[in-house]
C-alpha cells in the first residue's frame, strides 16, 4: 500500500464523507481448519470466543506471559467452522506458532471498503457485499470467484473487508473504483485510525504494554484461561502504572510519537501517535501518561522544543 494515491487529506475526507478503499493485503491470515480450532483460539487469546458464533468476527489479543500484547487480532469465524486469524503482518509467524494452522497470506488479497457510502458502493459491485453486517462474516461469490467478506475495518467508519484470491484482486479493485470508491493509502489509514482512537501495534500496543494500560480491558475475558492471564490479574489488583489517553492540542502543528507530555513543568508521559486531524483541523495525539491525570486536565506536548498546549480528551476524537 503506498503512502498516498491522490493526497492523504483528500483520501481521509473521502472515507469520512463517502467511501475509500485500502489494499490491506499486508495483513496476515492464519487459517485454522482442525476440529479443535475454536478451542485453541478460546484458550490462547484473551477474548471469550464463546461470546460469538460461526458467522461472526471478534477483536482479541495474543499476550506473552507478562501480559504484554504480542499482537492484536481480528478473528473471522466462518459458518463451516474454519477460523481465519488476522494478525499484523510482521507478527504472522508468532501467531501461527501460538495457534498452529496454515499461513495463507500469500494466496489472497484483502481490500477494505470504508465510509458512510461503503455498503452502497460495494453492493453495486456485488449485491451480497452490502448485506454483510458489522462484525459478521460471510462466504460469498463475486463473478463466480469465492471470497470472504467481514463487516470489519480500521477507520471508525462503517464498511467491509473482502478477502479474495490474489489473482482476482485487481479486477475487484477496479470494479470498486469504477463505482466511486476512492483509493487510499497508508497516510490516510493512519490519520483515520488516530481520529477514531484505534491502537496501532508498536505504538499503543506491544510486548511491554498490557491491554489494561491501553484501556482495552473489554478485550480480556477474565473468566476464561489464556496466556498471560496471571499477570493481568495481578495488574488489575494493583492498578496500572500508566494509562493511554487522548490529547487535543491547540493549532495545526502535529504532535509526533515519542514527544514528551508535560504537566506543571514535570514530564508525565509520552506520545505514542500524533498527527493533524483533517476533520477537527487541529493536532491530536494518543499518549501514555500518569494514571493521576484525567479527562479535561491541561498538559503541554514538547514538539521539537516548543511546548504546545493540549487537553486530555476522551476518545474517539471523531
C-alpha atoms as a PDB file:
ATOM      1  CA  UNK A   1       0.000   0.000   0.000  1.00  0.00           C
ATOM      2  CA  UNK A   2       1.514   3.369  -0.988  1.00  0.00           C
ATOM      3  CA  UNK A   3       1.629   6.326   1.357  1.00  0.00           C
ATOM      4  CA  UNK A   4      -0.951   8.086  -0.798  1.00  0.00           C
ATOM      5  CA  UNK A   5      -2.628   7.982  -4.207  1.00  0.00           C
ATOM      6  CA  UNK A   6      -4.127  11.471  -4.644  1.00  0.00           C
ATOM      7  CA  UNK A   7      -3.217  13.068  -1.315  1.00  0.00           C
ATOM      8  CA  UNK A   8      -3.648  11.956   2.289  1.00  0.00           C
ATOM      9  CA  UNK A   9      -6.166  14.634   3.302  1.00  0.00           C
ATOM     10  CA  UNK A  10      -8.307  14.075   0.196  1.00  0.00           C
ATOM     11  CA  UNK A  11      -8.321  10.327   0.817  1.00  0.00           C
ATOM     12  CA  UNK A  12      -9.040  10.795   4.527  1.00  0.00           C
ATOM     13  CA  UNK A  13     -12.043  13.026   3.850  1.00  0.00           C
ATOM     14  CA  UNK A  14     -13.317  10.675   1.149  1.00  0.00           C
ATOM     15  CA  UNK A  15     -13.508   7.945   3.789  1.00  0.00           C
ATOM     16  CA  UNK A  16     -15.215  10.199   6.342  1.00  0.00           C
ATOM     17  CA  UNK A  17     -17.722  11.636   3.853  1.00  0.00           C
ATOM     18  CA  UNK A  18     -18.225   8.975   1.180  1.00  0.00           C
ATOM     19  CA  UNK A  19     -16.139   5.854   0.534  1.00  0.00           C
ATOM     20  CA  UNK A  20     -12.464   4.935   0.382  1.00  0.00           C
ATOM     21  CA  UNK A  21     -10.777   1.598  -0.227  1.00  0.00           C
ATOM     22  CA  UNK A  22      -7.475   0.312   1.099  1.00  0.00           C
ATOM     23  CA  UNK A  23      -5.281  -2.556  -0.076  1.00  0.00           C
ATOM     24  CA  UNK A  24      -4.563  -4.200   3.278  1.00  0.00           C
ATOM     25  CA  UNK A  25      -3.142  -7.409   1.825  1.00  0.00           C
ATOM     26  CA  UNK A  26      -0.061  -6.900   4.008  1.00  0.00           C
ATOM     27  CA  UNK A  27      -2.127  -8.128   6.960  1.00  0.00           C
ATOM     28  CA  UNK A  28      -1.665 -11.795   7.767  1.00  0.00           C
ATOM     29  CA  UNK A  29      -4.135 -14.661   7.587  1.00  0.00           C
ATOM     30  CA  UNK A  30      -3.589 -17.845   9.577  1.00  0.00           C
ATOM     31  CA  UNK A  31      -6.290 -20.398   8.746  1.00  0.00           C
ATOM     32  CA  UNK A  32      -7.388 -22.987  11.303  1.00  0.00           C
ATOM     33  CA  UNK A  33      -9.430 -25.863   9.905  1.00  0.00           C
ATOM     34  CA  UNK A  34      -8.961 -28.559  12.535  1.00  0.00           C
ATOM     35  CA  UNK A  35     -11.879 -29.715  14.678  1.00  0.00           C
ATOM     36  CA  UNK A  36     -10.331 -28.140  17.787  1.00  0.00           C
ATOM     37  CA  UNK A  37      -9.721 -24.735  16.145  1.00  0.00           C
ATOM     38  CA  UNK A  38     -12.273 -22.901  18.275  1.00  0.00           C
ATOM     39  CA  UNK A  39     -10.899 -24.474  21.468  1.00  0.00           C
ATOM     40  CA  UNK A  40      -7.346 -23.387  20.625  1.00  0.00           C
ATOM     41  CA  UNK A  41      -8.434 -19.824  19.924  1.00  0.00           C
ATOM     42  CA  UNK A  42     -10.580 -19.725  23.064  1.00  0.00           C
ATOM     43  CA  UNK A  43      -7.800 -20.945  25.368  1.00  0.00           C
ATOM     44  CA  UNK A  44      -4.933 -18.944  23.819  1.00  0.00           C
ATOM     45  CA  UNK A  45      -6.315 -15.479  23.043  1.00  0.00           C
ATOM     46  CA  UNK A  46      -7.770 -13.017  25.562  1.00  0.00           C
ATOM     47  CA  UNK A  47     -11.359 -12.561  24.417  1.00  0.00           C
ATOM     48  CA  UNK A  48     -14.104 -15.099  25.031  1.00  0.00           C
ATOM     49  CA  UNK A  49     -14.737 -16.776  21.684  1.00  0.00           C
ATOM     50  CA  UNK A  50     -17.934 -18.288  23.079  1.00  0.00           C
ATOM     51  CA  UNK A  51     -19.468 -14.811  23.142  1.00  0.00           C
ATOM     52  CA  UNK A  52     -19.809 -15.165  19.373  1.00  0.00           C
ATOM     53  CA  UNK A  53     -20.616 -17.992  16.958  1.00  0.00           C
ATOM     54  CA  UNK A  54     -19.728 -19.040  13.410  1.00  0.00           C
ATOM     55  CA  UNK A  55     -20.536 -16.219  11.018  1.00  0.00           C
ATOM     56  CA  UNK A  56     -19.139 -13.568  13.375  1.00  0.00           C
ATOM     57  CA  UNK A  57     -15.859 -11.690  13.876  1.00  0.00           C
ATOM     58  CA  UNK A  58     -14.131 -10.739  17.129  1.00  0.00           C
ATOM     59  CA  UNK A  59     -11.287  -8.454  18.225  1.00  0.00           C
ATOM     60  CA  UNK A  60      -8.809 -10.114  20.595  1.00  0.00           C
ATOM     61  CA  UNK A  61      -5.186 -10.149  21.796  1.00  0.00           C
ATOM     62  CA  UNK A  62      -2.302 -12.610  21.938  1.00  0.00           C
ATOM     63  CA  UNK A  63      -0.246 -11.961  25.079  1.00  0.00           C
ATOM     64  CA  UNK A  64       3.116 -13.015  26.418  1.00  0.00           C
ATOM     65  CA  UNK A  65       3.449 -14.442  29.927  1.00  0.00           C
ATOM     66  CA  UNK A  66       3.963 -10.960  31.431  1.00  0.00           C
ATOM     67  CA  UNK A  67       0.684  -9.717  29.957  1.00  0.00           C
ATOM     68  CA  UNK A  68       2.218  -7.693  27.103  1.00  0.00           C
ATOM     69  CA  UNK A  69       0.443  -7.651  23.751  1.00  0.00           C
ATOM     70  CA  UNK A  70       2.336  -9.716  21.185  1.00  0.00           C
ATOM     71  CA  UNK A  71      -0.374  -8.852  18.676  1.00  0.00           C
ATOM     72  CA  UNK A  72      -3.903  -7.544  18.370  1.00  0.00           C
ATOM     73  CA  UNK A  73      -6.002  -9.705  16.123  1.00  0.00           C
ATOM     74  CA  UNK A  74      -9.327  -9.958  14.342  1.00  0.00           C
ATOM     75  CA  UNK A  75     -10.815 -13.449  14.247  1.00  0.00           C
ATOM     76  CA  UNK A  76     -13.112 -14.332  11.328  1.00  0.00           C
ATOM     77  CA  UNK A  77     -15.197 -17.415  12.182  1.00  0.00           C
ATOM     78  CA  UNK A  78     -16.656 -18.994   9.043  1.00  0.00           C
ATOM     79  CA  UNK A  79     -20.016 -20.757   9.072  1.00  0.00           C
ATOM     80  CA  UNK A  80     -18.300 -24.074   8.318  1.00  0.00           C
ATOM     81  CA  UNK A  81     -16.163 -23.799  11.464  1.00  0.00           C
ATOM     82  CA  UNK A  82     -12.983 -22.613   9.751  1.00  0.00           C
ATOM     83  CA  UNK A  83     -11.330 -19.756  11.646  1.00  0.00           C
ATOM     84  CA  UNK A  84      -9.192 -17.110   9.953  1.00  0.00           C
ATOM     85  CA  UNK A  85      -6.942 -15.336  12.444  1.00  0.00           C
ATOM     86  CA  UNK A  86      -5.889 -11.943  11.069  1.00  0.00           C
ATOM     87  CA  UNK A  87      -2.664 -10.676  12.708  1.00  0.00           C
ATOM     88  CA  UNK A  88      -0.469  -7.732  11.863  1.00  0.00           C
ATOM     89  CA  UNK A  89       1.842  -8.770   9.042  1.00  0.00           C
ATOM     90  CA  UNK A  90       5.105  -8.809  10.986  1.00  0.00           C
ATOM     91  CA  UNK A  91       3.530 -10.958  13.710  1.00  0.00           C
ATOM     92  CA  UNK A  92       2.048 -13.676  11.499  1.00  0.00           C
ATOM     93  CA  UNK A  93       4.743 -16.222  12.330  1.00  0.00           C
ATOM     94  CA  UNK A  94       4.395 -15.773  16.098  1.00  0.00           C
ATOM     95  CA  UNK A  95       0.612 -16.087  15.878  1.00  0.00           C
ATOM     96  CA  UNK A  96       0.962 -19.281  13.856  1.00  0.00           C
ATOM     97  CA  UNK A  97       3.451 -20.610  16.413  1.00  0.00           C
ATOM     98  CA  UNK A  98       0.902 -19.986  19.166  1.00  0.00           C
ATOM     99  CA  UNK A  99      -2.155 -21.385  17.401  1.00  0.00           C
ATOM    100  CA  UNK A 100      -0.930 -23.669  14.626  1.00  0.00           C
ATOM    101  CA  UNK A 101      -2.813 -23.549  11.333  1.00  0.00           C
ATOM    102  CA  UNK A 102      -1.752 -22.602   7.824  1.00  0.00           C
ATOM    103  CA  UNK A 103      -0.367 -19.241   6.724  1.00  0.00           C
ATOM    104  CA  UNK A 104      -2.407 -18.374   3.610  1.00  0.00           C
ATOM    105  CA  UNK A 105      -1.338 -14.728   3.452  1.00  0.00           C
ATOM    106  CA  UNK A 106       0.310 -15.049   0.029  1.00  0.00           C
ATOM    107  CA  UNK A 107      -2.732 -16.746  -1.502  1.00  0.00           C
ATOM    108  CA  UNK A 108      -5.236 -13.915  -1.029  1.00  0.00           C
ATOM    109  CA  UNK A 109      -5.591 -10.163  -1.120  1.00  0.00           C
ATOM    110  CA  UNK A 110      -7.698  -8.104   1.305  1.00  0.00           C
ATOM    111  CA  UNK A 111      -9.474  -4.928   0.249  1.00  0.00           C
ATOM    112  CA  UNK A 112     -11.056  -2.732   2.941  1.00  0.00           C
ATOM    113  CA  UNK A 113     -14.016  -0.641   1.712  1.00  0.00           C
ATOM    114  CA  UNK A 114     -14.784   2.012   4.324  1.00  0.00           C
ATOM    115  CA  UNK A 115     -17.018   5.043   4.780  1.00  0.00           C
ATOM    116  CA  UNK A 116     -20.688   6.037   5.063  1.00  0.00           C
ATOM    117  CA  UNK A 117     -21.248   5.049   1.403  1.00  0.00           C
ATOM    118  CA  UNK A 118     -19.177   1.850   1.595  1.00  0.00           C
ATOM    119  CA  UNK A 119     -22.124  -0.541   1.709  1.00  0.00           C
ATOM    120  CA  UNK A 120     -23.910   1.242  -1.136  1.00  0.00           C
ATOM    121  CA  UNK A 121     -20.864   1.307  -3.406  1.00  0.00           C
ATOM    122  CA  UNK A 122     -19.831  -2.266  -2.647  1.00  0.00           C
ATOM    123  CA  UNK A 123     -23.394  -3.502  -3.253  1.00  0.00           C
ATOM    124  CA  UNK A 124     -23.234  -2.037  -6.774  1.00  0.00           C
ATOM    125  CA  UNK A 125     -20.281  -4.348  -7.391  1.00  0.00           C
ATOM    126  CA  UNK A 126     -21.959  -7.330  -5.696  1.00  0.00           C
ATOM    127  CA  UNK A 127     -25.384  -7.013  -4.020  1.00  0.00           C
ATOM    128  CA  UNK A 128     -24.425  -9.545  -1.351  1.00  0.00           C
ATOM    129  CA  UNK A 129     -21.495  -7.376  -0.240  1.00  0.00           C
ATOM    130  CA  UNK A 130     -23.889  -4.754   1.051  1.00  0.00           C
ATOM    131  CA  UNK A 131     -25.760  -7.286   3.202  1.00  0.00           C
ATOM    132  CA  UNK A 132     -22.822  -8.161   5.465  1.00  0.00           C
ATOM    133  CA  UNK A 133     -23.433  -6.590   8.870  1.00  0.00           C
ATOM    134  CA  UNK A 134     -20.995  -5.194  11.407  1.00  0.00           C
ATOM    135  CA  UNK A 135     -18.695  -7.909  12.767  1.00  0.00           C
ATOM    136  CA  UNK A 136     -20.447 -10.501  10.578  1.00  0.00           C
ATOM    137  CA  UNK A 137     -18.582 -12.915   8.299  1.00  0.00           C
ATOM    138  CA  UNK A 138     -19.954 -14.327   5.036  1.00  0.00           C
ATOM    139  CA  UNK A 139     -18.546 -16.643   2.375  1.00  0.00           C
ATOM    140  CA  UNK A 140     -19.752 -15.231  -0.940  1.00  0.00           C
ATOM    141  CA  UNK A 141     -19.086 -15.302  -4.662  1.00  0.00           C
ATOM    142  CA  UNK A 142     -18.228 -12.384  -6.919  1.00  0.00           C
ATOM    143  CA  UNK A 143     -18.380 -13.146 -10.633  1.00  0.00           C
ATOM    144  CA  UNK A 144     -18.017 -16.820  -9.764  1.00  0.00           C
ATOM    145  CA  UNK A 145     -14.957 -16.186  -7.561  1.00  0.00           C
ATOM    146  CA  UNK A 146     -15.198 -17.322  -3.922  1.00  0.00           C
ATOM    147  CA  UNK A 147     -14.406 -14.645  -1.349  1.00  0.00           C
ATOM    148  CA  UNK A 148     -14.866 -13.977   2.344  1.00  0.00           C
ATOM    149  CA  UNK A 149     -16.404 -10.686   3.452  1.00  0.00           C
ATOM    150  CA  UNK A 150     -16.360  -9.362   7.027  1.00  0.00           C
ATOM    151  CA  UNK A 151     -18.025  -6.276   8.467  1.00  0.00           C
ATOM    152  CA  UNK A 152     -14.779  -5.056   9.997  1.00  0.00           C
ATOM    153  CA  UNK A 153     -12.334  -2.186   9.437  1.00  0.00           C
ATOM    154  CA  UNK A 154      -9.852   0.218  10.955  1.00  0.00           C
ATOM    155  CA  UNK A 155     -11.164   3.702  10.193  1.00  0.00           C
ATOM    156  CA  UNK A 156     -14.019   4.367  12.603  1.00  0.00           C
ATOM    157  CA  UNK A 157     -16.435   4.268   9.666  1.00  0.00           C
ATOM    158  CA  UNK A 158     -18.841   1.507   8.600  1.00  0.00           C
ATOM    159  CA  UNK A 159     -17.645  -0.833   5.902  1.00  0.00           C
ATOM    160  CA  UNK A 160     -16.374  -4.259   4.954  1.00  0.00           C
ATOM    161  CA  UNK A 161     -13.136  -6.108   4.305  1.00  0.00           C
ATOM    162  CA  UNK A 162     -13.020  -8.521   1.367  1.00  0.00           C
ATOM    163  CA  UNK A 163     -10.580 -11.432   1.226  1.00  0.00           C
ATOM    164  CA  UNK A 164     -10.298 -12.701  -2.350  1.00  0.00           C
ATOM    165  CA  UNK A 165      -7.861 -14.919  -4.282  1.00  0.00           C
ATOM    166  CA  UNK A 166      -4.903 -12.768  -5.192  1.00  0.00           C
ATOM    167  CA  UNK A 167      -5.275 -13.148  -8.968  1.00  0.00           C
ATOM    168  CA  UNK A 168      -8.799 -11.695  -8.834  1.00  0.00           C
ATOM    169  CA  UNK A 169      -7.933  -8.719  -6.625  1.00  0.00           C
ATOM    170  CA  UNK A 170      -7.026  -6.220  -9.410  1.00  0.00           C
ATOM    171  CA  UNK A 171     -10.388  -6.767 -11.116  1.00  0.00           C
ATOM    172  CA  UNK A 172     -12.281  -6.249  -7.866  1.00  0.00           C
ATOM    173  CA  UNK A 173     -10.226  -3.142  -7.057  1.00  0.00           C
ATOM    174  CA  UNK A 174     -11.010  -1.649 -10.468  1.00  0.00           C
ATOM    175  CA  UNK A 175     -14.692  -2.521 -10.166  1.00  0.00           C
ATOM    176  CA  UNK A 176     -14.934  -0.748  -6.820  1.00  0.00           C
ATOM    177  CA  UNK A 177     -13.097   2.282  -8.206  1.00  0.00           C
ATOM    178  CA  UNK A 178     -15.486   2.411 -11.181  1.00  0.00           C
ATOM    179  CA  UNK A 179     -18.415   2.641  -8.746  1.00  0.00           C
ATOM    180  CA  UNK A 180     -16.881   5.530  -6.801  1.00  0.00           C
ATOM    181  CA  UNK A 181     -14.568   4.121  -4.111  1.00  0.00           C
ATOM    182  CA  UNK A 182     -11.529   6.393  -3.678  1.00  0.00           C
ATOM    183  CA  UNK A 183      -8.181   4.535  -3.450  1.00  0.00           C
ATOM    184  CA  UNK A 184      -6.493   5.467  -0.180  1.00  0.00           C
ATOM    185  CA  UNK A 185      -3.019   4.833   1.163  1.00  0.00           C
ATOM    186  CA  UNK A 186      -1.119   4.336   4.380  1.00  0.00           C
ATOM    187  CA  UNK A 187      -1.181   8.034   5.300  1.00  0.00           C
ATOM    188  CA  UNK A 188      -4.975   8.234   5.390  1.00  0.00           C
ATOM    189  CA  UNK A 189      -5.226   4.859   7.082  1.00  0.00           C
ATOM    190  CA  UNK A 190      -3.118   6.198   9.946  1.00  0.00           C
ATOM    191  CA  UNK A 191      -4.897   9.544  10.353  1.00  0.00           C
ATOM    192  CA  UNK A 192      -8.292   7.834  10.198  1.00  0.00           C
ATOM    193  CA  UNK A 193      -7.462   5.263  12.882  1.00  0.00           C
ATOM    194  CA  UNK A 194      -5.946   8.030  15.035  1.00  0.00           C
ATOM    195  CA  UNK A 195      -9.119  10.148  14.842  1.00  0.00           C
ATOM    196  CA  UNK A 196     -11.052   7.006  15.743  1.00  0.00           C
ATOM    197  CA  UNK A 197      -8.795   6.360  18.759  1.00  0.00           C
ATOM    198  CA  UNK A 198      -7.778   2.915  17.471  1.00  0.00           C
ATOM    199  CA  UNK A 199      -4.455   1.483  18.677  1.00  0.00           C
ATOM    200  CA  UNK A 200      -1.560   0.537  16.419  1.00  0.00           C
ATOM    201  CA  UNK A 201       0.715  -2.306  17.403  1.00  0.00           C
ATOM    202  CA  UNK A 202       4.211  -0.970  18.026  1.00  0.00           C
ATOM    203  CA  UNK A 203       2.758   2.316  19.283  1.00  0.00           C
ATOM    204  CA  UNK A 204      -0.202   1.874  21.657  1.00  0.00           C
ATOM    205  CA  UNK A 205       0.276  -1.887  21.955  1.00  0.00           C
ATOM    206  CA  UNK A 206       3.386  -4.023  22.267  1.00  0.00           C
ATOM    207  CA  UNK A 207       5.172  -6.741  24.246  1.00  0.00           C
ATOM    208  CA  UNK A 208       5.734  -4.328  27.151  1.00  0.00           C
ATOM    209  CA  UNK A 209       2.216  -2.823  27.049  1.00  0.00           C
ATOM    210  CA  UNK A 210      -0.760  -4.621  28.571  1.00  0.00           C
ATOM    211  CA  UNK A 211      -4.392  -4.373  27.439  1.00  0.00           C
ATOM    212  CA  UNK A 212      -5.259  -2.762  30.791  1.00  0.00           C
ATOM    213  CA  UNK A 213      -2.706   0.021  30.295  1.00  0.00           C
ATOM    214  CA  UNK A 214      -4.101   0.595  26.790  1.00  0.00           C
ATOM    215  CA  UNK A 215      -7.651   0.939  28.112  1.00  0.00           C
ATOM    216  CA  UNK A 216      -8.751  -2.286  26.431  1.00  0.00           C
ATOM    217  CA  UNK A 217      -9.898  -4.312  29.424  1.00  0.00           C
ATOM    218  CA  UNK A 218     -13.070  -5.177  27.472  1.00  0.00           C
ATOM    219  CA  UNK A 219     -10.893  -7.409  25.246  1.00  0.00           C
ATOM    220  CA  UNK A 220      -9.921  -9.522  28.281  1.00  0.00           C
ATOM    221  CA  UNK A 221     -12.263 -12.287  29.458  1.00  0.00           C
ATOM    222  CA  UNK A 222     -11.030 -12.910  32.981  1.00  0.00           C
ATOM    223  CA  UNK A 223     -13.474 -15.815  33.339  1.00  0.00           C
ATOM    224  CA  UNK A 224     -11.507 -17.839  30.753  1.00  0.00           C
ATOM    225  CA  UNK A 225      -7.968 -19.204  30.595  1.00  0.00           C
ATOM    226  CA  UNK A 226      -5.379 -17.644  28.263  1.00  0.00           C
ATOM    227  CA  UNK A 227      -1.664 -16.980  28.074  1.00  0.00           C
ATOM    228  CA  UNK A 228      -0.730 -14.009  30.306  1.00  0.00           C
ATOM    229  CA  UNK A 229      -3.850 -14.111  32.483  1.00  0.00           C
ATOM    230  CA  UNK A 230      -1.976 -14.349  35.780  1.00  0.00           C
ATOM    231  CA  UNK A 231      -0.024 -11.158  35.050  1.00  0.00           C
ATOM    232  CA  UNK A 232      -3.201  -9.248  34.144  1.00  0.00           C
ATOM    233  CA  UNK A 233      -4.993 -10.413  37.274  1.00  0.00           C
ATOM    234  CA  UNK A 234      -2.116  -9.048  39.358  1.00  0.00           C
ATOM    235  CA  UNK A 235      -2.113  -5.744  37.461  1.00  0.00           C
ATOM    236  CA  UNK A 236      -5.865  -5.384  37.854  1.00  0.00           C
ATOM    237  CA  UNK A 237      -5.443  -5.740  41.624  1.00  0.00           C
ATOM    238  CA  UNK A 238      -2.563  -3.253  41.975  1.00  0.00           C
ATOM    239  CA  UNK A 239      -3.696  -0.762  39.330  1.00  0.00           C
ATOM    240  CA  UNK A 240      -1.917   0.283  36.150  1.00  0.00           C
ATOM    241  CA  UNK A 241       1.271   2.321  36.277  1.00  0.00           C
ATOM    242  CA  UNK A 242       0.290   4.295  33.154  1.00  0.00           C
ATOM    243  CA  UNK A 243      -2.825   4.871  31.077  1.00  0.00           C
ATOM    244  CA  UNK A 244      -3.485   5.554  27.413  1.00  0.00           C
ATOM    245  CA  UNK A 245      -5.325   8.845  26.827  1.00  0.00           C
ATOM    246  CA  UNK A 246      -6.251  11.157  24.002  1.00  0.00           C
ATOM    247  CA  UNK A 247      -4.855  14.692  23.842  1.00  0.00           C
ATOM    248  CA  UNK A 248      -6.224  17.519  21.712  1.00  0.00           C
ATOM    249  CA  UNK A 249      -3.679  20.260  21.035  1.00  0.00           C
ATOM    250  CA  UNK A 250      -4.078  23.882  20.056  1.00  0.00           C
ATOM    251  CA  UNK A 251      -3.250  24.892  16.499  1.00  0.00           C
ATOM    252  CA  UNK A 252      -2.329  22.924  13.410  1.00  0.00           C
ATOM    253  CA  UNK A 253       1.127  21.788  14.475  1.00  0.00           C
ATOM    254  CA  UNK A 254       1.002  17.971  14.686  1.00  0.00           C
ATOM    255  CA  UNK A 255       2.230  16.138  17.768  1.00  0.00           C
ATOM    256  CA  UNK A 256       4.579  13.256  16.988  1.00  0.00           C
ATOM    257  CA  UNK A 257       5.367   9.894  18.563  1.00  0.00           C
ATOM    258  CA  UNK A 258       7.923   9.994  21.391  1.00  0.00           C
ATOM    259  CA  UNK A 259       7.164  13.659  22.222  1.00  0.00           C
ATOM    260  CA  UNK A 260       7.175  14.407  25.958  1.00  0.00           C
ATOM    261  CA  UNK A 261       3.915  15.149  27.755  1.00  0.00           C
ATOM    262  CA  UNK A 262       4.399  17.782  30.461  1.00  0.00           C
ATOM    263  CA  UNK A 263       2.224  18.915  33.371  1.00  0.00           C
ATOM    264  CA  UNK A 264       3.279  21.536  35.887  1.00  0.00           C
ATOM    265  CA  UNK A 265       6.783  21.554  34.447  1.00  0.00           C
ATOM    266  CA  UNK A 266       7.196  17.815  35.022  1.00  0.00           C
ATOM    267  CA  UNK A 267       7.272  15.013  32.475  1.00  0.00           C
ATOM    268  CA  UNK A 268       4.126  12.919  32.981  1.00  0.00           C
ATOM    269  CA  UNK A 269       4.117  10.766  29.863  1.00  0.00           C
ATOM    270  CA  UNK A 270       4.997  10.259  26.230  1.00  0.00           C
ATOM    271  CA  UNK A 271       3.095  10.478  22.941  1.00  0.00           C
ATOM    272  CA  UNK A 272       2.616   7.164  21.135  1.00  0.00           C
ATOM    273  CA  UNK A 273       0.884   8.526  17.987  1.00  0.00           C
ATOM    274  CA  UNK A 274       0.122  12.039  16.845  1.00  0.00           C
ATOM    275  CA  UNK A 275      -0.884  13.991  13.771  1.00  0.00           C
ATOM    276  CA  UNK A 276      -3.033  16.793  12.386  1.00  0.00           C
ATOM    277  CA  UNK A 277      -6.727  15.897  12.292  1.00  0.00           C
ATOM    278  CA  UNK A 278      -8.222  16.705   8.862  1.00  0.00           C
ATOM    279  CA  UNK A 279     -11.727  16.725  10.364  1.00  0.00           C
ATOM    280  CA  UNK A 280     -11.047  18.702  13.553  1.00  0.00           C
ATOM    281  CA  UNK A 281      -8.402  20.968  11.994  1.00  0.00           C
ATOM    282  CA  UNK A 282      -6.021  20.766  14.956  1.00  0.00           C
ATOM    283  CA  UNK A 283      -3.482  18.382  16.400  1.00  0.00           C
ATOM    284  CA  UNK A 284      -4.456  15.169  18.159  1.00  0.00           C
ATOM    285  CA  UNK A 285      -2.398  12.531  19.926  1.00  0.00           C
ATOM    286  CA  UNK A 286      -2.552   9.359  21.930  1.00  0.00           C
ATOM    287  CA  UNK A 287      -0.161   9.122  24.857  1.00  0.00           C
ATOM    288  CA  UNK A 288       0.697   7.053  27.884  1.00  0.00           C
ATOM    289  CA  UNK A 289       0.508   9.299  30.943  1.00  0.00           C
ATOM    290  CA  UNK A 290       0.313   9.060  34.706  1.00  0.00           C
ATOM    291  CA  UNK A 291      -2.915   7.473  35.975  1.00  0.00           C
ATOM    292  CA  UNK A 292      -3.315  10.541  38.205  1.00  0.00           C
ATOM    293  CA  UNK A 293      -4.373  12.609  35.190  1.00  0.00           C
ATOM    294  CA  UNK A 294      -7.931  12.687  33.899  1.00  0.00           C
ATOM    295  CA  UNK A 295     -10.254  13.987  31.195  1.00  0.00           C
ATOM    296  CA  UNK A 296     -10.145  17.770  30.983  1.00  0.00           C
ATOM    297  CA  UNK A 297      -6.707  18.177  32.532  1.00  0.00           C
ATOM    298  CA  UNK A 298      -4.343  20.578  30.780  1.00  0.00           C
ATOM    299  CA  UNK A 299      -0.936  19.381  29.574  1.00  0.00           C
ATOM    300  CA  UNK A 300       1.762  20.515  27.166  1.00  0.00           C
ATOM    301  CA  UNK A 301       3.386  18.442  24.440  1.00  0.00           C
ATOM    302  CA  UNK A 302       7.010  19.168  23.591  1.00  0.00           C
ATOM    303  CA  UNK A 303       7.082  19.373  19.789  1.00  0.00           C
ATOM    304  CA  UNK A 304      10.686  19.904  18.718  1.00  0.00           C
ATOM    305  CA  UNK A 305      11.469  22.136  21.659  1.00  0.00           C
ATOM    306  CA  UNK A 306       8.203  24.078  21.710  1.00  0.00           C
ATOM    307  CA  UNK A 307       5.622  23.292  24.377  1.00  0.00           C
ATOM    308  CA  UNK A 308       2.218  23.179  22.676  1.00  0.00           C
ATOM    309  CA  UNK A 309      -0.843  23.390  24.992  1.00  0.00           C
ATOM    310  CA  UNK A 310      -3.256  20.489  24.992  1.00  0.00           C
ATOM    311  CA  UNK A 311      -6.157  18.951  26.904  1.00  0.00           C
ATOM    312  CA  UNK A 312      -6.709  15.320  27.819  1.00  0.00           C
ATOM    313  CA  UNK A 313      -9.765  14.277  25.844  1.00  0.00           C
ATOM    314  CA  UNK A 314     -11.976  11.224  25.626  1.00  0.00           C
ATOM    315  CA  UNK A 315     -11.629   9.033  22.548  1.00  0.00           C
ATOM    316  CA  UNK A 316     -12.578   8.616  19.791  1.00  0.00           C
ATOM    317  CA  UNK A 317     -11.722  12.138  18.724  1.00  0.00           C
ATOM    318  CA  UNK A 318     -14.134  11.849  15.785  1.00  0.00           C
END
